[in-house]
C-alpha atoms as a PDB file:
ATOM      1  CA  MET A   1      14.168   3.868 -56.995  1.00  0.00           C
ATOM      2  CA  LYS A   2      10.639   4.632 -55.855  1.00  0.00           C
ATOM      3  CA  ASN A   3       9.910   0.913 -55.522  1.00  0.00           C
ATOM      4  CA  ARG A   4      13.050   0.443 -53.426  1.00  0.00           C
ATOM      5  CA  ARG A   5      11.984   3.218 -51.037  1.00  0.00           C
ATOM      6  CA  THR A   6       8.545   1.654 -50.746  1.00  0.00           C
ATOM      7  CA  VAL A   7      10.031  -1.738 -49.927  1.00  0.00           C
ATOM      8  CA  LEU A   8      12.354  -0.216 -47.318  1.00  0.00           C
ATOM      9  CA  ALA A   9       9.473   1.658 -45.720  1.00  0.00           C
ATOM     10  CA  ARG A  10       7.412  -1.498 -45.509  1.00  0.00           C
ATOM     11  CA  LEU A  11      10.324  -3.392 -43.981  1.00  0.00           C
ATOM     12  CA  LEU A  12      10.734  -0.663 -41.356  1.00  0.00           C
ATOM     13  CA  VAL A  13       7.037  -0.835 -40.427  1.00  0.00           C
ATOM     14  CA  ALA A  14       7.201  -4.618 -40.225  1.00  0.00           C
ATOM     15  CA  ALA A  15      10.265  -4.465 -37.975  1.00  0.00           C
ATOM     16  CA  THR A  16       8.552  -1.976 -35.689  1.00  0.00           C
ATOM     17  CA  ILE A  17       5.517  -4.218 -35.366  1.00  0.00           C
ATOM     18  CA  ALA A  18       7.703  -7.264 -34.734  1.00  0.00           C
ATOM     19  CA  MET A  19       9.449  -5.471 -31.850  1.00  0.00           C
ATOM     20  CA  GLY A  20       6.158  -4.745 -30.121  1.00  0.00           C
ATOM     21  CA  GLY A  21       4.907  -1.746 -32.051  1.00  0.00           C
ATOM     22  CA  GLY A  22       3.747   1.555 -30.682  1.00  0.00           C
ATOM     23  CA  ALA A  23       5.489   4.877 -30.363  1.00  0.00           C
ATOM     24  CA  ALA A  24       6.458   4.154 -26.760  1.00  0.00           C
ATOM     25  CA  TRP A  25       8.945   1.493 -27.857  1.00  0.00           C
ATOM     26  CA  SER A  26      11.387   4.084 -29.170  1.00  0.00           C
ATOM     27  CA  GLN A  27      10.602   6.759 -26.593  1.00  0.00           C
ATOM     28  CA  ASN A  28      12.517   7.200 -23.367  1.00  0.00           C
ATOM     29  CA  LEU A  29       9.608   7.536 -20.963  1.00  0.00           C
ATOM     30  CA  THR A  30      10.111   8.798 -17.415  1.00  0.00           C
ATOM     31  CA  MET A  31       8.277   7.005 -14.619  1.00  0.00           C
ATOM     32  CA  ARG A  32       8.217   8.847 -11.291  1.00  0.00           C
ATOM     33  CA  ILE A  33       7.311   6.802  -8.206  1.00  0.00           C
ATOM     34  CA  SER A  34       6.180   8.507  -4.993  1.00  0.00           C
ATOM     35  CA  HIS A  35       5.714   6.755  -1.653  1.00  0.00           C
ATOM     36  CA  ALA A  36       5.793   7.603   2.062  1.00  0.00           C
ATOM     37  CA  ALA A  37       8.066   4.844   3.405  1.00  0.00           C
ATOM     38  CA  ALA A  38      11.476   5.622   4.884  1.00  0.00           C
ATOM     39  CA  GLU A  39      14.512   4.771   2.782  1.00  0.00           C
ATOM     40  CA  THR A  40      15.417   2.100   5.350  1.00  0.00           C
ATOM     41  CA  ASP A  41      12.085   0.321   4.849  1.00  0.00           C
ATOM     42  CA  TRP A  42      11.597  -2.757   2.676  1.00  0.00           C
ATOM     43  CA  LEU A  43       9.009  -0.954   0.555  1.00  0.00           C
ATOM     44  CA  HIS A  44      11.512   1.684  -0.531  1.00  0.00           C
ATOM     45  CA  LYS A  45      14.173  -0.954  -1.132  1.00  0.00           C
ATOM     46  CA  SER A  46      11.750  -2.928  -3.277  1.00  0.00           C
ATOM     47  CA  MET A  47      10.907   0.195  -5.289  1.00  0.00           C
ATOM     48  CA  VAL A  48      14.616   0.703  -5.965  1.00  0.00           C
ATOM     49  CA  MET A  49      14.807  -2.944  -7.060  1.00  0.00           C
ATOM     50  CA  PHE A  50      11.800  -2.383  -9.333  1.00  0.00           C
ATOM     51  CA  LYS A  51      13.546   0.619 -10.891  1.00  0.00           C
ATOM     52  CA  GLU A  52      16.713  -1.369 -11.535  1.00  0.00           C
ATOM     53  CA  LYS A  53      14.838  -4.297 -13.067  1.00  0.00           C
ATOM     54  CA  VAL A  54      12.688  -2.103 -15.313  1.00  0.00           C
ATOM     55  CA  GLU A  55      15.657  -0.125 -16.585  1.00  0.00           C
ATOM     56  CA  ALA A  56      17.661  -3.312 -17.173  1.00  0.00           C
ATOM     57  CA  ALA A  57      14.797  -4.913 -19.091  1.00  0.00           C
ATOM     58  CA  LEU A  58      13.909  -1.756 -21.046  1.00  0.00           C
ATOM     59  CA  PRO A  59      17.201   0.119 -21.593  1.00  0.00           C
ATOM     60  CA  GLY A  60      16.685   3.491 -23.227  1.00  0.00           C
ATOM     61  CA  GLN A  61      12.923   3.014 -23.160  1.00  0.00           C
ATOM     62  CA  VAL A  62      11.807   3.704 -19.576  1.00  0.00           C
ATOM     63  CA  SER A  63      13.683   5.660 -16.904  1.00  0.00           C
ATOM     64  CA  VAL A  64      12.408   5.249 -13.338  1.00  0.00           C
ATOM     65  CA  GLN A  65      12.780   7.764 -10.501  1.00  0.00           C
ATOM     66  CA  VAL A  66      12.013   6.657  -6.927  1.00  0.00           C
ATOM     67  CA  HIS A  67      11.006   9.377  -4.445  1.00  0.00           C
ATOM     68  CA  GLY A  68      10.607   7.980  -0.925  1.00  0.00           C
ATOM     69  CA  ALA A  69       9.599   9.472   2.437  1.00  0.00           C
ATOM     70  CA  SER A  70       6.999  11.740   0.768  1.00  0.00           C
ATOM     71  CA  SER A  71       9.824  13.765  -0.767  1.00  0.00           C
ATOM     72  CA  LEU A  72       7.963  14.395  -4.041  1.00  0.00           C
ATOM     73  CA  PHE A  73       4.305  14.419  -2.984  1.00  0.00           C
ATOM     74  CA  ARG A  74       2.866  14.633   0.502  1.00  0.00           C
ATOM     75  CA  GLN A  75       1.261  11.408   1.742  1.00  0.00           C
ATOM     76  CA  GLY A  76      -2.377  11.387   0.686  1.00  0.00           C
ATOM     77  CA  THR A  77      -1.839  13.576  -2.382  1.00  0.00           C
ATOM     78  CA  GLU A  78      -0.212  10.975  -4.641  1.00  0.00           C
ATOM     79  CA  VAL A  79      -3.425   9.497  -6.067  1.00  0.00           C
ATOM     80  CA  PRO A  80      -4.833  12.904  -7.092  1.00  0.00           C
ATOM     81  CA  ALA A  81      -1.411  13.669  -8.605  1.00  0.00           C
ATOM     82  CA  ILE A  82      -1.641  10.482 -10.684  1.00  0.00           C
ATOM     83  CA  GLN A  83      -5.157  11.372 -11.795  1.00  0.00           C
ATOM     84  CA  ARG A  84      -4.082  14.899 -12.777  1.00  0.00           C
ATOM     85  CA  GLY A  85      -1.218  13.513 -14.866  1.00  0.00           C
ATOM     86  CA  ASN A  86       1.513  14.796 -12.530  1.00  0.00           C
ATOM     87  CA  LEU A  87       2.769  11.383 -11.356  1.00  0.00           C
ATOM     88  CA  GLU A  88       3.180   7.983 -12.991  1.00  0.00           C
ATOM     89  CA  MET A  89       3.128   5.571 -10.035  1.00  0.00           C
ATOM     90  CA  ASN A  90       2.649   5.287  -6.302  1.00  0.00           C
ATOM     91  CA  THR A  91       2.118   2.597  -3.676  1.00  0.00           C
ATOM     92  CA  MET A  92      -1.623   3.125  -3.397  1.00  0.00           C
ATOM     93  CA  THR A  93      -3.574   1.681  -0.473  1.00  0.00           C
ATOM     94  CA  THR A  94      -7.057   0.197  -0.335  1.00  0.00           C
ATOM     95  CA  PHE A  95      -8.073   3.209   1.767  1.00  0.00           C
ATOM     96  CA  GLU A  96      -7.236   5.563  -1.099  1.00  0.00           C
ATOM     97  CA  VAL A  97      -9.413   3.471  -3.385  1.00  0.00           C
ATOM     98  CA  GLU A  98     -12.191   3.509  -0.788  1.00  0.00           C
ATOM     99  CA  GLN A  99     -12.276   7.309  -0.734  1.00  0.00           C
ATOM    100  CA  GLN A 100     -13.366   7.304  -4.382  1.00  0.00           C
ATOM    101  CA  MET A 101     -15.051   3.885  -4.528  1.00  0.00           C
ATOM    102  CA  PRO A 102     -16.715   3.301  -1.126  1.00  0.00           C
ATOM    103  CA  GLU A 103     -18.422   0.174  -2.446  1.00  0.00           C
ATOM    104  CA  TYR A 104     -15.031  -1.542  -2.173  1.00  0.00           C
ATOM    105  CA  GLY A 105     -14.332  -0.329   1.364  1.00  0.00           C
ATOM    106  CA  ILE A 106     -14.436  -3.916   2.635  1.00  0.00           C
ATOM    107  CA  PHE A 107     -10.836  -4.318   1.425  1.00  0.00           C
ATOM    108  CA  SER A 108      -9.818  -1.723   4.045  1.00  0.00           C
ATOM    109  CA  ALA A 109     -11.842  -3.224   6.873  1.00  0.00           C
ATOM    110  CA  GLY A 110     -10.089  -4.244  10.052  1.00  0.00           C
ATOM    111  CA  TYR A 111      -9.856  -7.986  10.678  1.00  0.00           C
ATOM    112  CA  VAL A 112     -11.219  -8.896   7.220  1.00  0.00           C
ATOM    113  CA  PHE A 113      -7.977 -10.679   6.245  1.00  0.00           C
ATOM    114  CA  ARG A 114      -6.591 -13.517   8.357  1.00  0.00           C
ATOM    115  CA  ASP A 115      -2.962 -13.229   7.246  1.00  0.00           C
ATOM    116  CA  TRP A 116      -0.822 -12.325   4.241  1.00  0.00           C
ATOM    117  CA  ASP A 117      -1.451 -15.655   2.529  1.00  0.00           C
ATOM    118  CA  HIS A 118      -5.174 -14.884   2.658  1.00  0.00           C
ATOM    119  CA  VAL A 119      -4.575 -11.440   1.130  1.00  0.00           C
ATOM    120  CA  THR A 120      -2.577 -12.835  -1.787  1.00  0.00           C
ATOM    121  CA  LYS A 121      -5.154 -15.524  -2.560  1.00  0.00           C
ATOM    122  CA  VAL A 122      -7.889 -12.891  -2.645  1.00  0.00           C
ATOM    123  CA  MET A 123      -5.981 -10.232  -4.574  1.00  0.00           C
ATOM    124  CA  ARG A 124      -4.445 -12.601  -7.114  1.00  0.00           C
ATOM    125  CA  GLY A 125      -7.707 -14.464  -7.704  1.00  0.00           C
ATOM    126  CA  PRO A 126     -11.006 -13.554  -9.394  1.00  0.00           C
ATOM    127  CA  ILE A 127     -12.040 -11.213  -6.560  1.00  0.00           C
ATOM    128  CA  GLY A 128      -8.873  -9.177  -6.985  1.00  0.00           C
ATOM    129  CA  LYS A 129      -9.202  -9.110 -10.777  1.00  0.00           C
ATOM    130  CA  GLU A 130     -12.708  -7.683 -10.537  1.00  0.00           C
ATOM    131  CA  TYR A 131     -11.457  -5.089  -8.034  1.00  0.00           C
ATOM    132  CA  PHE A 132      -8.448  -4.078 -10.144  1.00  0.00           C
ATOM    133  CA  ASP A 133     -10.567  -3.818 -13.307  1.00  0.00           C
ATOM    134  CA  ALA A 134     -13.032  -1.552 -11.501  1.00  0.00           C
ATOM    135  CA  VAL A 135     -10.199   0.664 -10.227  1.00  0.00           C
ATOM    136  CA  ALA A 136      -8.743   0.965 -13.734  1.00  0.00           C
ATOM    137  CA  GLN A 137     -12.117   1.896 -15.185  1.00  0.00           C
ATOM    138  CA  LYS A 138     -13.328   4.298 -12.496  1.00  0.00           C
ATOM    139  CA  MET A 139     -10.075   5.833 -11.217  1.00  0.00           C
ATOM    140  CA  GLY A 140      -7.825   5.635 -14.276  1.00  0.00           C
ATOM    141  CA  ILE A 141      -5.189   3.722 -12.300  1.00  0.00           C
ATOM    142  CA  GLN A 142      -3.771   0.350 -13.328  1.00  0.00           C
ATOM    143  CA  ILE A 143      -2.809  -1.938 -10.442  1.00  0.00           C
ATOM    144  CA  ILE A 144      -0.011  -4.229 -11.639  1.00  0.00           C
ATOM    145  CA  GLU A 145       1.041  -5.894  -8.367  1.00  0.00           C
ATOM    146  CA  VAL A 146       0.204  -6.209  -4.678  1.00  0.00           C
ATOM    147  CA  THR A 147       2.776  -6.245  -1.878  1.00  0.00           C
ATOM    148  CA  TYR A 148       2.841  -6.540   1.922  1.00  0.00           C
ATOM    149  CA  LEU A 149       3.071  -3.440   4.084  1.00  0.00           C
ATOM    150  CA  GLY A 150       2.687  -5.432   7.295  1.00  0.00           C
ATOM    151  CA  THR A 151       0.226  -6.211  10.072  1.00  0.00           C
ATOM    152  CA  ARG A 152      -0.668  -3.072  11.989  1.00  0.00           C
ATOM    153  CA  GLN A 153      -0.326  -2.835  15.798  1.00  0.00           C
ATOM    154  CA  VAL A 154      -1.140  -0.081  18.302  1.00  0.00           C
ATOM    155  CA  ASN A 155       1.924   1.819  19.618  1.00  0.00           C
ATOM    156  CA  LEU A 156       1.724   3.991  22.753  1.00  0.00           C
ATOM    157  CA  ARG A 157       3.905   6.817  23.997  1.00  0.00           C
ATOM    158  CA  GLN A 158       3.180   5.822  27.597  1.00  0.00           C
ATOM    159  CA  ALA A 159       2.497   2.254  28.722  1.00  0.00           C
ATOM    160  CA  ARG A 160      -0.880   1.311  30.153  1.00  0.00           C
ATOM    161  CA  ASP A 161      -2.911  -1.823  30.815  1.00  0.00           C
ATOM    162  CA  VAL A 162      -4.757  -2.582  27.573  1.00  0.00           C
ATOM    163  CA  LYS A 163      -7.114  -5.532  27.301  1.00  0.00           C
ATOM    164  CA  ALA A 164     -10.089  -4.065  25.407  1.00  0.00           C
ATOM    165  CA  PRO A 165     -10.953  -0.962  23.329  1.00  0.00           C
ATOM    166  CA  SER A 166     -12.345   0.774  26.412  1.00  0.00           C
ATOM    167  CA  ASP A 167      -8.818   0.840  27.838  1.00  0.00           C
ATOM    168  CA  LEU A 168      -7.780   3.173  25.001  1.00  0.00           C
ATOM    169  CA  ALA A 169     -10.524   5.747  25.578  1.00  0.00           C
ATOM    170  CA  GLY A 170      -9.200   9.271  25.135  1.00  0.00           C
ATOM    171  CA  VAL A 171      -5.933   8.147  23.524  1.00  0.00           C
ATOM    172  CA  LYS A 172      -5.025  10.405  20.581  1.00  0.00           C
ATOM    173  CA  LEU A 173      -3.665   7.911  18.085  1.00  0.00           C
ATOM    174  CA  ARG A 174      -2.131   9.067  14.844  1.00  0.00           C
ATOM    175  CA  MET A 175      -3.800   7.447  11.852  1.00  0.00           C
ATOM    176  CA  PRO A 176      -3.941   8.328   8.158  1.00  0.00           C
ATOM    177  CA  GLY A 177      -6.964  10.372   7.092  1.00  0.00           C
ATOM    178  CA  GLY A 178     -10.159   9.169   5.446  1.00  0.00           C
ATOM    179  CA  PRO A 179     -13.492   7.655   6.534  1.00  0.00           C
ATOM    180  CA  GLY A 180     -12.210   4.076   6.641  1.00  0.00           C
ATOM    181  CA  TRP A 181      -9.252   4.949   8.852  1.00  0.00           C
ATOM    182  CA  LEU A 182     -11.380   7.035  11.202  1.00  0.00           C
ATOM    183  CA  ALA A 183     -13.947   4.253  11.596  1.00  0.00           C
ATOM    184  CA  LEU A 184     -11.181   1.748  12.270  1.00  0.00           C
ATOM    185  CA  GLY A 185      -9.672   4.048  14.893  1.00  0.00           C
ATOM    186  CA  ARG A 186     -12.969   4.540  16.684  1.00  0.00           C
ATOM    187  CA  GLY A 187     -13.456   0.774  16.630  1.00  0.00           C
ATOM    188  CA  LEU A 188     -10.092   0.391  18.349  1.00  0.00           C
ATOM    189  CA  GLY A 189     -11.365   2.713  21.074  1.00  0.00           C
ATOM    190  CA  VAL A 190      -9.051   5.649  20.329  1.00  0.00           C
ATOM    191  CA  SER A 191      -9.496   9.214  19.170  1.00  0.00           C
ATOM    192  CA  PRO A 192      -8.039   8.905  15.636  1.00  0.00           C
ATOM    193  CA  THR A 193      -5.830  11.850  14.706  1.00  0.00           C
ATOM    194  CA  PRO A 194      -4.964  12.155  10.987  1.00  0.00           C
ATOM    195  CA  MET A 195      -1.348  13.052  10.284  1.00  0.00           C
ATOM    196  CA  ALA A 196       1.178  12.469   7.496  1.00  0.00           C
ATOM    197  CA  MET A 197       3.808   9.852   8.271  1.00  0.00           C
ATOM    198  CA  PRO A 198       6.878  12.150   8.220  1.00  0.00           C
ATOM    199  CA  GLU A 199       5.322  14.243  11.025  1.00  0.00           C
ATOM    200  CA  VAL A 200       4.656  11.361  13.404  1.00  0.00           C
ATOM    201  CA  TYR A 201       8.007  11.034  15.215  1.00  0.00           C
ATOM    202  CA  LEU A 202       8.032  14.633  16.445  1.00  0.00           C
ATOM    203  CA  ALA A 203       4.315  14.545  17.276  1.00  0.00           C
ATOM    204  CA  ILE A 204       4.800  11.544  19.572  1.00  0.00           C
ATOM    205  CA  LYS A 205       7.981  12.944  21.084  1.00  0.00           C
ATOM    206  CA  THR A 206       6.310  16.244  21.994  1.00  0.00           C
ATOM    207  CA  GLY A 207       3.061  14.643  23.150  1.00  0.00           C
ATOM    208  CA  ALA A 208       0.942  16.131  20.364  1.00  0.00           C
ATOM    209  CA  VAL A 209      -0.373  12.586  19.950  1.00  0.00           C
ATOM    210  CA  ASP A 210      -0.311   9.659  22.374  1.00  0.00           C
ATOM    211  CA  GLY A 211       0.882   7.111  19.860  1.00  0.00           C
ATOM    212  CA  GLN A 212       0.387   5.657  16.419  1.00  0.00           C
ATOM    213  CA  GLU A 213      -0.520   2.378  14.746  1.00  0.00           C
ATOM    214  CA  ASN A 214       1.653   0.780  12.105  1.00  0.00           C
ATOM    215  CA  PRO A 215       3.234  -2.506  11.123  1.00  0.00           C
ATOM    216  CA  MET A 216       6.138  -3.236  13.459  1.00  0.00           C
ATOM    217  CA  SER A 217       8.627  -3.069  10.591  1.00  0.00           C
ATOM    218  CA  LEU A 218       7.555   0.503   9.808  1.00  0.00           C
ATOM    219  CA  THR A 219       7.781   1.392  13.499  1.00  0.00           C
ATOM    220  CA  LYS A 220      11.374   0.155  13.518  1.00  0.00           C
ATOM    221  CA  ASN A 221      12.430   1.548  10.150  1.00  0.00           C
ATOM    222  CA  ASN A 222      11.059   5.002  10.988  1.00  0.00           C
ATOM    223  CA  ASN A 223      12.709   4.866  14.451  1.00  0.00           C
ATOM    224  CA  LEU A 224       9.324   5.340  16.115  1.00  0.00           C
ATOM    225  CA  HIS A 225      10.266   2.842  18.815  1.00  0.00           C
ATOM    226  CA  GLU A 226      12.575   5.552  20.177  1.00  0.00           C
ATOM    227  CA  VAL A 227       9.513   7.533  21.314  1.00  0.00           C
ATOM    228  CA  THR A 228       7.331   4.521  22.184  1.00  0.00           C
ATOM    229  CA  GLN A 229       6.944   2.662  25.487  1.00  0.00           C
ATOM    230  CA  GLN A 230       4.435  -0.024  24.530  1.00  0.00           C
ATOM    231  CA  ILE A 231       3.276  -2.041  21.531  1.00  0.00           C
ATOM    232  CA  VAL A 232      -0.167  -3.614  21.843  1.00  0.00           C
ATOM    233  CA  LEU A 233      -0.546  -6.581  19.478  1.00  0.00           C
ATOM    234  CA  THR A 234      -4.036  -5.791  18.218  1.00  0.00           C
ATOM    235  CA  SER A 235      -3.172  -7.105  14.713  1.00  0.00           C
ATOM    236  CA  HIS A 236      -6.115  -5.091  13.455  1.00  0.00           C
ATOM    237  CA  LEU A 237      -5.135  -4.839   9.804  1.00  0.00           C
ATOM    238  CA  VAL A 238      -3.138  -7.097   7.490  1.00  0.00           C
ATOM    239  CA  GLN A 239      -2.330  -4.426   4.936  1.00  0.00           C
ATOM    240  CA  PRO A 240      -1.586  -4.688   1.236  1.00  0.00           C
ATOM    241  CA  VAL A 241      -0.350  -1.828  -0.908  1.00  0.00           C
ATOM    242  CA  PHE A 242      -0.368  -1.697  -4.684  1.00  0.00           C
ATOM    243  CA  TYR A 243       1.996  -0.960  -7.510  1.00  0.00           C
ATOM    244  CA  ALA A 244      -0.420   1.606  -8.941  1.00  0.00           C
ATOM    245  CA  VAL A 245       0.351   3.082 -12.362  1.00  0.00           C
ATOM    246  CA  ALA A 246      -1.374   5.965 -14.133  1.00  0.00           C
ATOM    247  CA  LYS A 247      -3.445   4.300 -16.846  1.00  0.00           C
ATOM    248  CA  PRO A 248      -2.569   6.860 -19.549  1.00  0.00           C
ATOM    249  CA  PHE A 249       1.114   6.083 -18.926  1.00  0.00           C
ATOM    250  CA  TRP A 250       0.441   2.329 -18.842  1.00  0.00           C
ATOM    251  CA  ASP A 251      -1.453   2.498 -22.126  1.00  0.00           C
ATOM    252  CA  LYS A 252       1.556   4.122 -23.822  1.00  0.00           C
ATOM    253  CA  LEU A 253       3.566   0.963 -23.224  1.00  0.00           C
ATOM    254  CA  SER A 254       3.707  -1.886 -25.712  1.00  0.00           C
ATOM    255  CA  PRO A 255       2.565  -5.349 -24.586  1.00  0.00           C
ATOM    256  CA  ALA A 256       6.216  -6.391 -24.302  1.00  0.00           C
ATOM    257  CA  GLN A 257       7.022  -3.369 -22.134  1.00  0.00           C
ATOM    258  CA  GLN A 258       4.001  -4.021 -19.927  1.00  0.00           C
ATOM    259  CA  ALA A 259       5.073  -7.642 -19.493  1.00  0.00           C
ATOM    260  CA  ALA A 260       8.595  -6.556 -18.519  1.00  0.00           C
ATOM    261  CA  MET A 261       7.192  -4.104 -15.991  1.00  0.00           C
ATOM    262  CA  ARG A 262       4.856  -6.700 -14.479  1.00  0.00           C
ATOM    263  CA  LYS A 263       7.768  -9.125 -14.153  1.00  0.00           C
ATOM    264  CA  ALA A 264       9.883  -6.476 -12.399  1.00  0.00           C
ATOM    265  CA  ALA A 265       6.964  -5.691 -10.087  1.00  0.00           C
ATOM    266  CA  SER A 266       6.418  -9.359  -9.239  1.00  0.00           C
ATOM    267  CA  GLU A 267      10.086  -9.947  -8.403  1.00  0.00           C
ATOM    268  CA  SER A 268      10.511  -6.788  -6.323  1.00  0.00           C
ATOM    269  CA  ALA A 269       7.218  -7.395  -4.484  1.00  0.00           C
ATOM    270  CA  LYS A 270       8.378 -10.902  -3.613  1.00  0.00           C
ATOM    271  CA  PHE A 271      11.587  -9.433  -2.173  1.00  0.00           C
ATOM    272  CA  ASN A 272       9.576  -7.009  -0.008  1.00  0.00           C
ATOM    273  CA  ASP A 273       7.117  -9.677   1.144  1.00  0.00           C
ATOM    274  CA  GLU A 274       9.719 -12.258   2.119  1.00  0.00           C
ATOM    275  CA  SER A 275      11.941  -9.681   3.839  1.00  0.00           C
ATOM    276  CA  ARG A 276       9.112  -8.093   5.807  1.00  0.00           C
ATOM    277  CA  LEU A 277       7.561 -11.393   6.884  1.00  0.00           C
ATOM    278  CA  ALA A 278      10.934 -12.658   8.109  1.00  0.00           C
ATOM    279  CA  GLU A 279      11.597  -9.408   9.976  1.00  0.00           C
ATOM    280  CA  GLU A 280       8.165  -9.392  11.629  1.00  0.00           C
ATOM    281  CA  LYS A 281       8.914 -12.723  13.301  1.00  0.00           C
ATOM    282  CA  GLN A 282      11.868 -11.146  15.121  1.00  0.00           C
ATOM    283  CA  LEU A 283      10.531  -7.706  15.990  1.00  0.00           C
ATOM    284  CA  ALA A 284       8.658  -8.489  19.207  1.00  0.00           C
ATOM    285  CA  ASP A 285      11.956  -9.690  20.694  1.00  0.00           C
ATOM    286  CA  PHE A 286      13.792  -6.703  19.211  1.00  0.00           C
ATOM    287  CA  PHE A 287      11.411  -4.220  20.834  1.00  0.00           C
ATOM    288  CA  THR A 288      11.426  -6.063  24.162  1.00  0.00           C
ATOM    289  CA  LYS A 289      15.227  -5.952  24.238  1.00  0.00           C
ATOM    290  CA  ALA A 290      15.046  -2.255  23.373  1.00  0.00           C
ATOM    291  CA  GLY A 291      13.042  -1.715  26.573  1.00  0.00           C
ATOM    292  CA  LEU A 292       9.526  -1.573  25.159  1.00  0.00           C
ATOM    293  CA  LYS A 293       6.591  -3.397  26.677  1.00  0.00           C
ATOM    294  CA  VAL A 294       4.958  -5.757  24.145  1.00  0.00           C
ATOM    295  CA  THR A 295       1.507  -6.958  25.230  1.00  0.00           C
ATOM    296  CA  THR A 296      -1.339  -9.034  23.801  1.00  0.00           C
ATOM    297  CA  PRO A 297      -4.914  -7.816  24.425  1.00  0.00           C
ATOM    298  CA  ASP A 298      -8.256  -9.559  23.983  1.00  0.00           C
ATOM    299  CA  VAL A 299      -8.197  -9.487  20.171  1.00  0.00           C
ATOM    300  CA  ALA A 300     -11.791 -10.755  19.931  1.00  0.00           C
ATOM    301  CA  ALA A 301     -12.971  -7.695  21.871  1.00  0.00           C
ATOM    302  CA  PHE A 302     -11.186  -5.411  19.413  1.00  0.00           C
ATOM    303  CA  ARG A 303     -12.554  -7.329  16.416  1.00  0.00           C
ATOM    304  CA  ASN A 304     -16.131  -7.085  17.687  1.00  0.00           C
ATOM    305  CA  SER A 305     -15.771  -3.379  18.418  1.00  0.00           C
ATOM    306  CA  VAL A 306     -14.345  -2.658  14.958  1.00  0.00           C
ATOM    307  CA  GLU A 307     -17.105  -4.609  13.199  1.00  0.00           C
ATOM    308  CA  LYS A 308     -19.741  -2.761  15.236  1.00  0.00           C
ATOM    309  CA  GLN A 309     -18.221   0.577  14.238  1.00  0.00           C
ATOM    310  CA  TYR A 310     -18.481  -0.232  10.521  1.00  0.00           C
ATOM    311  CA  GLN A 311     -22.181  -0.960  10.965  1.00  0.00           C
ATOM    312  CA  GLU A 312     -22.879   2.134  13.070  1.00  0.00           C
ATOM    313  CA  SER A 313     -20.902   4.467  10.799  1.00  0.00           C
ATOM    314  CA  GLY A 314     -22.861   3.399   7.727  1.00  0.00           C
ATOM    315  CA  LEU A 315     -19.732   2.344   5.853  1.00  0.00           C
ATOM    316  CA  ALA A 316     -20.740  -1.327   5.737  1.00  0.00           C
ATOM    317  CA  ALA A 317     -24.030  -0.407   4.040  1.00  0.00           C
ATOM    318  CA  LYS A 318     -22.043   0.930   1.067  1.00  0.00           C
ATOM    319  CA  TRP A 319     -20.048  -2.261   0.497  1.00  0.00           C
ATOM    320  CA  VAL A 320     -20.746  -4.545  -2.463  1.00  0.00           C
ATOM    321  CA  PRO A 321     -23.352  -7.011  -1.132  1.00  0.00           C
ATOM    322  CA  GLY A 322     -21.880 -10.416  -0.381  1.00  0.00           C
ATOM    323  CA  LEU A 323     -18.272  -9.389  -1.053  1.00  0.00           C
ATOM    324  CA  ARG A 324     -17.222  -9.750   2.564  1.00  0.00           C
ATOM    325  CA  GLU A 325     -18.509 -13.322   2.659  1.00  0.00           C
ATOM    326  CA  LYS A 326     -16.698 -14.134  -0.601  1.00  0.00           C
ATOM    327  CA  ILE A 327     -13.422 -12.784   0.814  1.00  0.00           C
ATOM    328  CA  GLN A 328     -13.758 -14.710   4.052  1.00  0.00           C
ATOM    329  CA  ALA A 329     -14.602 -17.918   2.153  1.00  0.00           C
ATOM    330  CA  VAL A 330     -11.235 -17.878   0.352  1.00  0.00           C
ATOM    331  CA  ARG A 331      -8.942 -20.536   1.815  1.00  0.00           C
END
């Protein structure tokens, strides 16, 4: 009888190992996702898709909750929440990494990326791997995928003639907080005014700020065009965001569970990227028909001003030597 129990116990252990091992396999883990995008935005829709794919691939093992529009954590507080163990995932930006790892601030620099194809080649190549490994080690956050937030443009409450950064002098432009954002704003010629995304509509409507800068899809999906007269196509930042998972949570998962989650992230990110890129091609016409003025400035003047600001602010001196050149050499 004792031998039979021993054999059964060994069979049970072997079966557990064969299924991927680890206590997490039998647990029903809860994964809370916090992000700032509106529920009408592609980013939120892709997070819902991610949830559905994870739960379909890992039934009874991982339950995913998606909290959009900063409904769970205020924008800018998600990364500390992850690091305190109060959140499992968010759509972290390069700027949030920069605040803790200024040596990688080049990834947040205006005009460093040519287009989304350039971003993906960098982030999914050896440069990105080194970056993601450093983030995991120093911040305790595992980046499992990169996705497209859009190309950011300047939006103004009142139209004006804008050709160069000097034409935006004195303009209070809402921007997220942090040294990288503030330097970028000063390079654009504005007075950068930090503010959480859910507060922006009312701030523009009441004149508390003179405008904001965002990808055109976010402007539309947050209805910010309703309080905007002009979009200036500065194209100052081609912006990625990350599927960023708390490393302690990630390490609880078996290799099979991690693979399923990466697959879900890849498929939902592709949905976001393709949808947003297609929408961006149509939005200039959409805004023009809605009565907005869409103008193109001297982009070279803005690029030169932004680059000068990084040098003068001292941020560029903190960057990993030679990393900028490596990024720009990727074709």
